[in-house]
Amino acid sequence: MRSARQSTNPADPAPPPPALDLETYTEATRRALYDLVVAVHFTPPAEISPADWYPDYSPDQAGLTVYFSHGRWLASWSRLEEAASDLPAHRRHALVRIQAAPEAPRGVAFYEL
C-alpha cells in the first residue's frame, strides 16, 4: 500500500536519501556506503553517455572494500582494466574518501586520494 505522501508519478524526483551518520562506525552505515559505491562507480545508468565509462567487472572481482579508519570512511578497489599496465601500483588501485554531502543526489560525495 502506498503512503498518501509518496508520489506515483515516475517522473517525480526521488526523495533525498536519509542522512547517514558518518562520524562513527556501524555495520549498517558500512553496508549503506558499500551499496552507494556500487551504484555510483560500478553500475551504469539506464542511458549512458558515449563519454562515460563503467567497468565490466563486478565489485567482488575488484575487491571492493568500504571501511572506517581514523574517523573517515574510505572505499578501495582494484582497477582491473589497469592490471596489466605499467602504471605505478597506486594508479592501478582506486582509493576514495566518502564524505557527507546533503546537497548531492545520494547524500555523499567521493574524493579520490
PDB file of N, CA and C in Angstrom:
ATOM      1  N   MET A   1       0.844  -1.175   0.000  1.00  0.00           N
ATOM      2  CA  MET A   1       0.000   0.000   0.000  1.00  0.00           C
ATOM      3  C   MET A   1       0.892   1.241   0.000  1.00  0.00           C
ATOM      4  N   ARG A   2       0.559   2.205  -0.851  1.00  0.00           N
ATOM      5  CA  ARG A   2       1.354   3.429  -0.960  1.00  0.00           C
ATOM      6  C   ARG A   2       0.931   4.433   0.108  1.00  0.00           C
ATOM      7  N   SER A   3       1.913   5.149   0.573  1.00  0.00           N
ATOM      8  CA  SER A   3       1.647   6.228   1.509  1.00  0.00           C
ATOM      9  C   SER A   3       0.978   7.367   0.760  1.00  0.00           C
ATOM     10  N   ALA A   4       0.167   8.125   1.436  1.00  0.00           N
ATOM     11  CA  ALA A   4      -0.512   9.259   0.802  1.00  0.00           C
ATOM     12  C   ALA A   4       0.496  10.304   0.343  1.00  0.00           C
ATOM     13  N   ARG A   5       1.674  10.344   0.949  1.00  0.00           N
ATOM     14  CA  ARG A   5       2.679  11.339   0.595  1.00  0.00           C
ATOM     15  C   ARG A   5       3.625  10.858  -0.501  1.00  0.00           C
ATOM     16  N   GLN A   6       3.585   9.571  -0.838  1.00  0.00           N
ATOM     17  CA  GLN A   6       4.502   9.030  -1.836  1.00  0.00           C
ATOM     18  C   GLN A   6       3.942   9.298  -3.225  1.00  0.00           C
ATOM     19  N   SER A   7       4.794   9.787  -4.112  1.00  0.00           N
ATOM     20  CA  SER A   7       4.388  10.093  -5.475  1.00  0.00           C
ATOM     21  C   SER A   7       4.224   8.815  -6.274  1.00  0.00           C
ATOM     22  N   THR A   8       3.230   8.795  -7.145  1.00  0.00           N
ATOM     23  CA  THR A   8       3.033   7.656  -8.039  1.00  0.00           C
ATOM     24  C   THR A   8       3.518   7.982  -9.437  1.00  0.00           C
ATOM     25  N   ASN A   9       3.990   9.206  -9.660  1.00  0.00           N
ATOM     26  CA  ASN A   9       4.479   9.621 -10.965  1.00  0.00           C
ATOM     27  C   ASN A   9       5.969   9.297 -11.058  1.00  0.00           C
ATOM     28  N   PRO A  10       6.369   8.379 -11.987  1.00  0.00           N
ATOM     29  CA  PRO A  10       7.789   8.020 -12.072  1.00  0.00           C
ATOM     30  C   PRO A  10       8.685   9.181 -12.497  1.00  0.00           C
ATOM     31  N   ALA A  11       8.128  10.248 -13.055  1.00  0.00           N
ATOM     32  CA  ALA A  11       8.937  11.393 -13.470  1.00  0.00           C
ATOM     33  C   ALA A  11       9.292  12.297 -12.294  1.00  0.00           C
ATOM     34  N   ASP A  12       8.599  12.151 -11.174  1.00  0.00           N
ATOM     35  CA  ASP A  12       8.911  12.960  -9.991  1.00  0.00           C
ATOM     36  C   ASP A  12      10.270  12.550  -9.449  1.00  0.00           C
ATOM     37  N   PRO A  13      11.054  13.519  -8.975  1.00  0.00           N
ATOM     38  CA  PRO A  13      12.366  13.160  -8.416  1.00  0.00           C
ATOM     39  C   PRO A  13      12.206  12.323  -7.155  1.00  0.00           C
ATOM     40  N   ALA A  14      13.175  11.452  -6.937  1.00  0.00           N
ATOM     41  CA  ALA A  14      13.156  10.619  -5.734  1.00  0.00           C
ATOM     42  C   ALA A  14      13.412  11.500  -4.519  1.00  0.00           C
ATOM     43  N   PRO A  15      12.848  11.127  -3.383  1.00  0.00           N
ATOM     44  CA  PRO A  15      13.130  11.908  -2.175  1.00  0.00           C
ATOM     45  C   PRO A  15      14.600  11.776  -1.819  1.00  0.00           C
ATOM     46  N   PRO A  16      15.139  12.749  -1.113  1.00  0.00           N
ATOM     47  CA  PRO A  16      16.558  12.660  -0.743  1.00  0.00           C
ATOM     48  C   PRO A  16      16.785  11.447   0.149  1.00  0.00           C
ATOM     49  N   PRO A  17      17.971  10.844   0.066  1.00  0.00           N
ATOM     50  CA  PRO A  17      18.244   9.683   0.910  1.00  0.00           C
ATOM     51  C   PRO A  17      18.331  10.105   2.369  1.00  0.00           C
ATOM     52  N   PRO A  18      18.057   9.168   3.265  1.00  0.00           N
ATOM     53  CA  PRO A  18      18.196   9.525   4.680  1.00  0.00           C
ATOM     54  C   PRO A  18      19.653   9.848   4.987  1.00  0.00           C
ATOM     55  N   ALA A  19      19.856  10.801   5.873  1.00  0.00           N
ATOM     56  CA  ALA A  19      21.218  11.200   6.241  1.00  0.00           C
ATOM     57  C   ALA A  19      21.895  10.059   6.991  1.00  0.00           C
ATOM     58  N   LEU A  20      23.138   9.802   6.609  1.00  0.00           N
ATOM     59  CA  LEU A  20      23.934   8.786   7.292  1.00  0.00           C
ATOM     60  C   LEU A  20      24.837   9.460   8.313  1.00  0.00           C
ATOM     61  N   ASP A  21      24.992   8.843   9.455  1.00  0.00           N
ATOM     62  CA  ASP A  21      25.931   9.342  10.461  1.00  0.00           C
ATOM     63  C   ASP A  21      27.310   8.808  10.095  1.00  0.00           C
ATOM     64  N   LEU A  22      28.155   9.661   9.535  1.00  0.00           N
ATOM     65  CA  LEU A  22      29.479   9.236   9.100  1.00  0.00           C
ATOM     66  C   LEU A  22      30.555   9.506  10.146  1.00  0.00           C
ATOM     67  N   GLU A  23      30.143   9.869  11.349  1.00  0.00           N
ATOM     68  CA  GLU A  23      31.090  10.182  12.411  1.00  0.00           C
ATOM     69  C   GLU A  23      31.543   8.949  13.184  1.00  0.00           C
ATOM     70  N   THR A  24      30.755   7.895  13.173  1.00  0.00           N
ATOM     71  CA  THR A  24      31.093   6.679  13.912  1.00  0.00           C
ATOM     72  C   THR A  24      30.845   5.468  13.026  1.00  0.00           C
ATOM     73  N   TYR A  25      31.442   4.349  13.413  1.00  0.00           N
ATOM     74  CA  TYR A  25      31.271   3.117  12.650  1.00  0.00           C
ATOM     75  C   TYR A  25      30.024   2.374  13.099  1.00  0.00           C
ATOM     76  N   THR A  26      29.218   1.960  12.141  1.00  0.00           N
ATOM     77  CA  THR A  26      28.196   0.936  12.364  1.00  0.00           C
ATOM     78  C   THR A  26      28.201   0.064  11.123  1.00  0.00           C
ATOM     79  N   GLU A  27      27.854  -1.184  11.290  1.00  0.00           N
ATOM     80  CA  GLU A  27      27.794  -2.090  10.141  1.00  0.00           C
ATOM     81  C   GLU A  27      26.708  -1.644   9.160  1.00  0.00           C
ATOM     82  N   ALA A  28      25.620  -1.097   9.662  1.00  0.00           N
ATOM     83  CA  ALA A  28      24.551  -0.624   8.773  1.00  0.00           C
ATOM     84  C   ALA A  28      25.044   0.519   7.884  1.00  0.00           C
ATOM     85  N   THR A  29      25.829   1.432   8.454  1.00  0.00           N
ATOM     86  CA  THR A  29      26.392   2.529   7.657  1.00  0.00           C
ATOM     87  C   THR A  29      27.389   1.987   6.645  1.00  0.00           C
ATOM     88  N   ARG A  30      28.250   1.066   7.058  1.00  0.00           N
ATOM     89  CA  ARG A  30      29.213   0.487   6.124  1.00  0.00           C
ATOM     90  C   ARG A  30      28.499  -0.172   4.947  1.00  0.00           C
ATOM     91  N   ARG A  31      27.435  -0.895   5.233  1.00  0.00           N
ATOM     92  CA  ARG A  31      26.689  -1.582   4.162  1.00  0.00           C
ATOM     93  C   ARG A  31      26.014  -0.570   3.239  1.00  0.00           C
ATOM     94  N   ALA A  32      25.428   0.476   3.823  1.00  0.00           N
ATOM     95  CA  ALA A  32      24.781   1.516   3.007  1.00  0.00           C
ATOM     96  C   ALA A  32      25.805   2.203   2.108  1.00  0.00           C
ATOM     97  N   LEU A  33      26.988   2.485   2.647  1.00  0.00           N
ATOM     98  CA  LEU A  33      28.033   3.119   1.845  1.00  0.00           C
ATOM     99  C   LEU A  33      28.549   2.168   0.766  1.00  0.00           C
ATOM    100  N   TYR A  34      28.681   0.897   1.072  1.00  0.00           N
ATOM    101  CA  TYR A  34      29.091  -0.092   0.068  1.00  0.00           C
ATOM    102  C   TYR A  34      28.102  -0.064  -1.107  1.00  0.00           C
ATOM    103  N   ASP A  35      26.823  -0.082  -0.783  1.00  0.00           N
ATOM    104  CA  ASP A  35      25.796  -0.053  -1.832  1.00  0.00           C
ATOM    105  C   ASP A  35      25.871   1.232  -2.657  1.00  0.00           C
ATOM    106  N   LEU A  36      26.174   2.354  -2.013  1.00  0.00           N
ATOM    107  CA  LEU A  36      26.317   3.618  -2.740  1.00  0.00           C
ATOM    108  C   LEU A  36      27.534   3.601  -3.666  1.00  0.00           C
ATOM    109  N   VAL A  37      28.643   3.043  -3.199  1.00  0.00           N
ATOM    110  CA  VAL A  37      29.836   2.944  -4.052  1.00  0.00           C
ATOM    111  C   VAL A  37      29.521   2.079  -5.277  1.00  0.00           C
ATOM    112  N   VAL A  38      28.850   0.978  -5.075  1.00  0.00           N
ATOM    113  CA  VAL A  38      28.469   0.110  -6.201  1.00  0.00           C
ATOM    114  C   VAL A  38      27.580   0.868  -7.170  1.00  0.00           C
ATOM    115  N   ALA A  39      26.593   1.580  -6.652  1.00  0.00           N
ATOM    116  CA  ALA A  39      25.665   2.315  -7.518  1.00  0.00           C
ATOM    117  C   ALA A  39      26.371   3.401  -8.328  1.00  0.00           C
ATOM    118  N   VAL A  40      27.296   4.101  -7.715  1.00  0.00           N
ATOM    119  CA  VAL A  40      27.958   5.230  -8.376  1.00  0.00           C
ATOM    120  C   VAL A  40      29.117   4.794  -9.271  1.00  0.00           C
ATOM    121  N   HIS A  41      29.930   3.859  -8.807  1.00  0.00           N
ATOM    122  CA  HIS A  41      31.180   3.538  -9.510  1.00  0.00           C
ATOM    123  C   HIS A  41      31.146   2.251 -10.336  1.00  0.00           C
ATOM    124  N   PHE A  42      30.133   1.404 -10.129  1.00  0.00           N
ATOM    125  CA  PHE A  42      30.107   0.126 -10.833  1.00  0.00           C
ATOM    126  C   PHE A  42      28.840  -0.110 -11.656  1.00  0.00           C
ATOM    127  N   THR A  43      27.806   0.673 -11.452  1.00  0.00           N
ATOM    128  CA  THR A  43      26.533   0.429 -12.119  1.00  0.00           C
ATOM    129  C   THR A  43      26.233   1.547 -13.106  1.00  0.00           C
ATOM    130  N   PRO A  44      26.238   1.232 -14.405  1.00  0.00           N
ATOM    131  CA  PRO A  44      25.933   2.283 -15.378  1.00  0.00           C
ATOM    132  C   PRO A  44      24.458   2.676 -15.301  1.00  0.00           C
ATOM    133  N   PRO A  45      24.148   3.935 -15.584  1.00  0.00           N
ATOM    134  CA  PRO A  45      22.748   4.360 -15.605  1.00  0.00           C
ATOM    135  C   PRO A  45      22.032   3.733 -16.800  1.00  0.00           C
ATOM    136  N   ALA A  46      20.713   3.846 -16.813  1.00  0.00           N
ATOM    137  CA  ALA A  46      19.920   3.280 -17.911  1.00  0.00           C
ATOM    138  C   ALA A  46      20.364   3.845 -19.255  1.00  0.00           C
ATOM    139  N   GLU A  47      20.630   5.125 -19.291  1.00  0.00           N
ATOM    140  CA  GLU A  47      21.129   5.758 -20.520  1.00  0.00           C
ATOM    141  C   GLU A  47      22.536   6.275 -20.229  1.00  0.00           C
ATOM    142  N   ILE A  48      23.493   5.736 -20.942  1.00  0.00           N
ATOM    143  CA  ILE A  48      24.877   6.084 -20.692  1.00  0.00           C
ATOM    144  C   ILE A  48      25.407   6.933 -21.844  1.00  0.00           C
ATOM    145  N   SER A  49      26.123   7.978 -21.501  1.00  0.00           N
ATOM    146  CA  SER A  49      26.731   8.854 -22.496  1.00  0.00           C
ATOM    147  C   SER A  49      27.931   8.144 -23.105  1.00  0.00           C
ATOM    148  N   PRO A  50      28.200   8.363 -24.390  1.00  0.00           N
ATOM    149  CA  PRO A  50      29.385   7.744 -25.009  1.00  0.00           C
ATOM    150  C   PRO A  50      30.690   8.152 -24.323  1.00  0.00           C
ATOM    151  N   ALA A  51      30.708   9.296 -23.656  1.00  0.00           N
ATOM    152  CA  ALA A  51      31.923   9.765 -22.978  1.00  0.00           C
ATOM    153  C   ALA A  51      32.120   9.089 -21.621  1.00  0.00           C
ATOM    154  N   ASP A  52      31.073   8.453 -21.087  1.00  0.00           N
ATOM    155  CA  ASP A  52      31.174   7.803 -19.780  1.00  0.00           C
ATOM    156  C   ASP A  52      31.701   6.385 -19.921  1.00  0.00           C
ATOM    157  N   TRP A  53      32.369   5.910 -18.874  1.00  0.00           N
ATOM    158  CA  TRP A  53      32.891   4.553 -18.854  1.00  0.00           C
ATOM    159  C   TRP A  53      32.575   3.912 -17.520  1.00  0.00           C
ATOM    160  N   TYR A  54      32.143   2.668 -17.573  1.00  0.00           N
ATOM    161  CA  TYR A  54      31.885   1.885 -16.366  1.00  0.00           C
ATOM    162  C   TYR A  54      32.595   0.551 -16.508  1.00  0.00           C
ATOM    163  N   PRO A  55      33.095  -0.001 -15.414  1.00  0.00           N
ATOM    164  CA  PRO A  55      33.832  -1.266 -15.505  1.00  0.00           C
ATOM    165  C   PRO A  55      32.928  -2.417 -15.927  1.00  0.00           C
ATOM    166  N   ASP A  56      33.532  -3.394 -16.594  1.00  0.00           N
ATOM    167  CA  ASP A  56      32.774  -4.584 -16.979  1.00  0.00           C
ATOM    168  C   ASP A  56      33.041  -5.725 -16.002  1.00  0.00           C
ATOM    169  N   TYR A  57      33.537  -5.383 -14.815  1.00  0.00           N
ATOM    170  CA  TYR A  57      33.773  -6.370 -13.769  1.00  0.00           C
ATOM    171  C   TYR A  57      32.951  -5.976 -12.546  1.00  0.00           C
ATOM    172  N   SER A  58      32.746  -6.948 -11.688  1.00  0.00           N
ATOM    173  CA  SER A  58      31.901  -6.716 -10.512  1.00  0.00           C
ATOM    174  C   SER A  58      32.710  -6.118  -9.361  1.00  0.00           C
ATOM    175  N   PRO A  59      32.019  -5.545  -8.380  1.00  0.00           N
ATOM    176  CA  PRO A  59      32.712  -5.051  -7.187  1.00  0.00           C
ATOM    177  C   PRO A  59      33.471  -6.175  -6.475  1.00  0.00           C
ATOM    178  N   ASP A  60      32.927  -7.385  -6.470  1.00  0.00           N
ATOM    179  CA  ASP A  60      33.614  -8.512  -5.841  1.00  0.00           C
ATOM    180  C   ASP A  60      34.904  -8.850  -6.582  1.00  0.00           C
ATOM    181  N   GLN A  61      34.856  -8.857  -7.907  1.00  0.00           N
ATOM    182  CA  GLN A  61      36.055  -9.137  -8.693  1.00  0.00           C
ATOM    183  C   GLN A  61      37.137  -8.083  -8.432  1.00  0.00           C
ATOM    184  N   ALA A  62      36.712  -6.843  -8.219  1.00  0.00           N
ATOM    185  CA  ALA A  62      37.653  -5.747  -7.980  1.00  0.00           C
ATOM    186  C   ALA A  62      38.122  -5.680  -6.530  1.00  0.00           C
ATOM    187  N   GLY A  63      37.533  -6.494  -5.661  1.00  0.00           N
ATOM    188  CA  GLY A  63      37.929  -6.474  -4.251  1.00  0.00           C
ATOM    189  C   GLY A  63      37.454  -5.233  -3.523  1.00  0.00           C
ATOM    190  N   LEU A  64      36.275  -4.719  -3.888  1.00  0.00           N
ATOM    191  CA  LEU A  64      35.752  -3.516  -3.237  1.00  0.00           C
ATOM    192  C   LEU A  64      35.675  -3.714  -1.728  1.00  0.00           C
ATOM    193  N   THR A  65      36.240  -2.756  -1.007  1.00  0.00           N
ATOM    194  CA  THR A  65      36.197  -2.733   0.448  1.00  0.00           C
ATOM    195  C   THR A  65      35.805  -1.334   0.893  1.00  0.00           C
ATOM    196  N   VAL A  66      34.863  -1.263   1.818  1.00  0.00           N
ATOM    197  CA  VAL A  66      34.473   0.008   2.431  1.00  0.00           C
ATOM    198  C   VAL A  66      34.805  -0.120   3.913  1.00  0.00           C
ATOM    199  N   TYR A  67      35.548   0.865   4.433  1.00  0.00           N
ATOM    200  CA  TYR A  67      35.987   0.752   5.818  1.00  0.00           C
ATOM    201  C   TYR A  67      36.092   2.126   6.476  1.00  0.00           C
ATOM    202  N   PHE A  68      36.128   2.090   7.798  1.00  0.00           N
ATOM    203  CA  PHE A  68      36.205   3.292   8.636  1.00  0.00           C
ATOM    204  C   PHE A  68      37.571   3.294   9.305  1.00  0.00           C
ATOM    205  N   SER A  69      38.341   4.337   9.063  1.00  0.00           N
ATOM    206  CA  SER A  69      39.682   4.417   9.643  1.00  0.00           C
ATOM    207  C   SER A  69      39.992   5.857  10.028  1.00  0.00           C
ATOM    208  N   HIS A  70      40.461   6.044  11.236  1.00  0.00           N
ATOM    209  CA  HIS A  70      40.861   7.367  11.719  1.00  0.00           C
ATOM    210  C   HIS A  70      39.756   8.412  11.531  1.00  0.00           C
ATOM    211  N   GLY A  71      38.517   8.000  11.810  1.00  0.00           N
ATOM    212  CA  GLY A  71      37.393   8.927  11.730  1.00  0.00           C
ATOM    213  C   GLY A  71      36.913   9.237  10.326  1.00  0.00           C
ATOM    214  N   ARG A  72      37.371   8.468   9.341  1.00  0.00           N
ATOM    215  CA  ARG A  72      36.972   8.709   7.947  1.00  0.00           C
ATOM    216  C   ARG A  72      36.493   7.416   7.311  1.00  0.00           C
ATOM    217  N   TRP A  73      35.542   7.553   6.394  1.00  0.00           N
ATOM    218  CA  TRP A  73      35.072   6.427   5.599  1.00  0.00           C
ATOM    219  C   TRP A  73      35.838   6.412   4.291  1.00  0.00           C
ATOM    220  N   LEU A  74      36.342   5.247   3.932  1.00  0.00           N
ATOM    221  CA  LEU A  74      37.119   5.074   2.713  1.00  0.00           C
ATOM    222  C   LEU A  74      36.581   3.874   1.932  1.00  0.00           C
ATOM    223  N   ALA A  75      36.796   3.900   0.637  1.00  0.00           N
ATOM    224  CA  ALA A  75      36.481   2.754  -0.214  1.00  0.00           C
ATOM    225  C   ALA A  75      37.674   2.519  -1.121  1.00  0.00           C
ATOM    226  N   SER A  76      37.978   1.262  -1.356  1.00  0.00           N
ATOM    227  CA  SER A  76      39.096   0.944  -2.247  1.00  0.00           C
ATOM    228  C   SER A  76      38.745  -0.274  -3.085  1.00  0.00           C
ATOM    229  N   TRP A  77      39.330  -0.322  -4.287  1.00  0.00           N
ATOM    230  CA  TRP A  77      39.151  -1.454  -5.179  1.00  0.00           C
ATOM    231  C   TRP A  77      40.257  -1.429  -6.235  1.00  0.00           C
ATOM    232  N   SER A  78      40.507  -2.577  -6.820  1.00  0.00           N
ATOM    233  CA  SER A  78      41.490  -2.679  -7.900  1.00  0.00           C
ATOM    234  C   SER A  78      40.853  -2.231  -9.196  1.00  0.00           C
ATOM    235  N   ARG A  79      41.598  -1.452  -9.950  1.00  0.00           N
ATOM    236  CA  ARG A  79      41.157  -1.062 -11.288  1.00  0.00           C
ATOM    237  C   ARG A  79      41.645  -2.154 -12.241  1.00  0.00           C
ATOM    238  N   LEU A  80      40.834  -3.165 -12.425  1.00  0.00           N
ATOM    239  CA  LEU A  80      41.255  -4.351 -13.163  1.00  0.00           C
ATOM    240  C   LEU A  80      41.626  -4.049 -14.608  1.00  0.00           C
ATOM    241  N   GLU A  81      41.065  -3.001 -15.168  1.00  0.00           N
ATOM    242  CA  GLU A  81      41.405  -2.631 -16.541  1.00  0.00           C
ATOM    243  C   GLU A  81      42.853  -2.147 -16.646  1.00  0.00           C
ATOM    244  N   GLU A  82      43.465  -1.813 -15.506  1.00  0.00           N
ATOM    245  CA  GLU A  82      44.852  -1.336 -15.474  1.00  0.00           C
ATOM    246  C   GLU A  82      45.830  -2.404 -14.976  1.00  0.00           C
ATOM    247  N   ALA A  83      45.332  -3.603 -14.686  1.00  0.00           N
ATOM    248  CA  ALA A  83      46.157  -4.639 -14.059  1.00  0.00           C
ATOM    249  C   ALA A  83      47.424  -4.947 -14.854  1.00  0.00           C
ATOM    250  N   ALA A  84      47.338  -4.985 -16.167  1.00  0.00           N
ATOM    251  CA  ALA A  84      48.500  -5.344 -16.982  1.00  0.00           C
ATOM    252  C   ALA A  84      49.297  -4.125 -17.447  1.00  0.00           C
ATOM    253  N   SER A  85      48.903  -2.946 -17.009  1.00  0.00           N
ATOM    254  CA  SER A  85      49.587  -1.735 -17.464  1.00  0.00           C
ATOM    255  C   SER A  85      50.895  -1.541 -16.709  1.00  0.00           C
ATOM    256  N   ASP A  86      51.674  -0.618 -17.178  1.00  0.00           N
ATOM    257  CA  ASP A  86      52.926  -0.310 -16.482  1.00  0.00           C
ATOM    258  C   ASP A  86      52.775   0.880 -15.529  1.00  0.00           C
ATOM    259  N   LEU A  87      51.531   1.211 -15.204  1.00  0.00           N
ATOM    260  CA  LEU A  87      51.287   2.281 -14.235  1.00  0.00           C
ATOM    261  C   LEU A  87      51.796   1.882 -12.861  1.00  0.00           C
ATOM    262  N   PRO A  88      52.171   2.859 -12.055  1.00  0.00           N
ATOM    263  CA  PRO A  88      52.575   2.540 -10.673  1.00  0.00           C
ATOM    264  C   PRO A  88      51.397   1.884  -9.932  1.00  0.00           C
ATOM    265  N   ALA A  89      51.710   1.099  -8.937  1.00  0.00           N
ATOM    266  CA  ALA A  89      50.685   0.349  -8.201  1.00  0.00           C
ATOM    267  C   ALA A  89      49.568   1.248  -7.677  1.00  0.00           C
ATOM    268  N   HIS A  90      49.913   2.436  -7.185  1.00  0.00           N
ATOM    269  CA  HIS A  90      48.876   3.309  -6.628  1.00  0.00           C
ATOM    270  C   HIS A  90      47.901   3.803  -7.697  1.00  0.00           C
ATOM    271  N   ARG A  91      48.265   3.777  -8.951  1.00  0.00           N
ATOM    272  CA  ARG A  91      47.365   4.193 -10.036  1.00  0.00           C
ATOM    273  C   ARG A  91      46.488   3.035 -10.526  1.00  0.00           C
ATOM    274  N   ARG A  92      46.859   1.822 -10.150  1.00  0.00           N
ATOM    275  CA  ARG A  92      46.070   0.650 -10.542  1.00  0.00           C
ATOM    276  C   ARG A  92      45.044   0.299  -9.472  1.00  0.00           C
ATOM    277  N   HIS A  93      44.971   1.126  -8.464  1.00  0.00           N
ATOM    278  CA  HIS A  93      44.053   0.893  -7.354  1.00  0.00           C
ATOM    279  C   HIS A  93      43.307   2.192  -7.049  1.00  0.00           C
ATOM    280  N   ALA A  94      42.001   2.088  -6.877  1.00  0.00           N
ATOM    281  CA  ALA A  94      41.200   3.267  -6.529  1.00  0.00           C
ATOM    282  C   ALA A  94      41.091   3.368  -5.011  1.00  0.00           C
ATOM    283  N   LEU A  95      41.214   4.577  -4.500  1.00  0.00           N
ATOM    284  CA  LEU A  95      41.031   4.852  -3.085  1.00  0.00           C
ATOM    285  C   LEU A  95      40.283   6.174  -2.994  1.00  0.00           C
ATOM    286  N   VAL A  96      39.079   6.119  -2.416  1.00  0.00           N
ATOM    287  CA  VAL A  96      38.270   7.329  -2.291  1.00  0.00           C
ATOM    288  C   VAL A  96      37.839   7.530  -0.846  1.00  0.00           C
ATOM    289  N   ARG A  97      37.759   8.799  -0.470  1.00  0.00           N
ATOM    290  CA  ARG A  97      37.194   9.189   0.826  1.00  0.00           C
ATOM    291  C   ARG A  97      35.720   9.483   0.583  1.00  0.00           C
ATOM    292  N   ILE A  98      34.890   9.019   1.477  1.00  0.00           N
ATOM    293  CA  ILE A  98      33.445   9.229   1.374  1.00  0.00           C
ATOM    294  C   ILE A  98      33.067  10.262   2.426  1.00  0.00           C
ATOM    295  N   GLN A  99      32.418  11.319   1.972  1.00  0.00           N
ATOM    296  CA  GLN A  99      32.072  12.406   2.877  1.00  0.00           C
ATOM    297  C   GLN A  99      30.595  12.754   2.708  1.00  0.00           C
ATOM    298  N   ALA A 100      29.962  13.162   3.795  1.00  0.00           N
ATOM    299  CA  ALA A 100      28.565  13.588   3.736  1.00  0.00           C
ATOM    300  C   ALA A 100      28.445  14.799   2.816  1.00  0.00           C
ATOM    301  N   ALA A 101      27.427  14.785   1.982  1.00  0.00           N
ATOM    302  CA  ALA A 101      27.142  15.903   1.081  1.00  0.00           C
ATOM    303  C   ALA A 101      25.625  15.954   0.896  1.00  0.00           C
ATOM    304  N   PRO A 102      24.926  16.575   1.846  1.00  0.00           N
ATOM    305  CA  PRO A 102      23.459  16.578   1.799  1.00  0.00           C
ATOM    306  C   PRO A 102      22.888  17.116   0.487  1.00  0.00           C
ATOM    307  N   GLU A 103      23.654  17.993  -0.196  1.00  0.00           N
ATOM    308  CA  GLU A 103      23.162  18.569  -1.450  1.00  0.00           C
ATOM    309  C   GLU A 103      23.311  17.615  -2.635  1.00  0.00           C
ATOM    310  N   ALA A 104      24.104  16.566  -2.478  1.00  0.00           N
ATOM    311  CA  ALA A 104      24.328  15.595  -3.561  1.00  0.00           C
ATOM    312  C   ALA A 104      23.121  14.669  -3.690  1.00  0.00           C
ATOM    313  N   PRO A 105      22.867  14.169  -4.890  1.00  0.00           N
ATOM    314  CA  PRO A 105      21.698  13.310  -5.099  1.00  0.00           C
ATOM    315  C   PRO A 105      21.651  12.093  -4.177  1.00  0.00           C
ATOM    316  N   ARG A 106      22.795  11.535  -3.831  1.00  0.00           N
ATOM    317  CA  ARG A 106      22.813  10.348  -2.972  1.00  0.00           C
ATOM    318  C   ARG A 106      23.229  10.672  -1.534  1.00  0.00           C
ATOM    319  N   GLY A 107      23.454  11.941  -1.247  1.00  0.00           N
ATOM    320  CA  GLY A 107      23.783  12.360   0.111  1.00  0.00           C
ATOM    321  C   GLY A 107      25.236  12.237   0.510  1.00  0.00           C
ATOM    322  N   VAL A 108      26.081  11.747  -0.415  1.00  0.00           N
ATOM    323  CA  VAL A 108      27.511  11.641  -0.137  1.00  0.00           C
ATOM    324  C   VAL A 108      28.297  12.083  -1.371  1.00  0.00           C
ATOM    325  N   ALA A 109      29.564  12.411  -1.143  1.00  0.00           N
ATOM    326  CA  ALA A 109      30.479  12.748  -2.237  1.00  0.00           C
ATOM    327  C   ALA A 109      31.711  11.879  -2.078  1.00  0.00           C
ATOM    328  N   PHE A 110      32.364  11.601  -3.209  1.00  0.00           N
ATOM    329  CA  PHE A 110      33.563  10.773  -3.233  1.00  0.00           C
ATOM    330  C   PHE A 110      34.748  11.637  -3.666  1.00  0.00           C
ATOM    331  N   TYR A 111      35.839  11.523  -2.914  1.00  0.00           N
ATOM    332  CA  TYR A 111      37.041  12.290  -3.215  1.00  0.00           C
ATOM    333  C   TYR A 111      38.197  11.322  -3.381  1.00  0.00           C
ATOM    334  N   GLU A 112      38.791  11.306  -4.568  1.00  0.00           N
ATOM    335  CA  GLU A 112      39.896  10.389  -4.831  1.00  0.00           C
ATOM    336  C   GLU A 112      41.117  10.816  -4.036  1.00  0.00           C
ATOM    337  N   LEU A 113      41.803   9.839  -3.486  1.00  0.00           N
ATOM    338  CA  LEU A 113      43.019  10.089  -2.720  1.00  0.00           C
ATOM    339  C   LEU A 113      44.221   9.620  -3.519  1.00  0.00           C
TER     340      LEU A 113
END
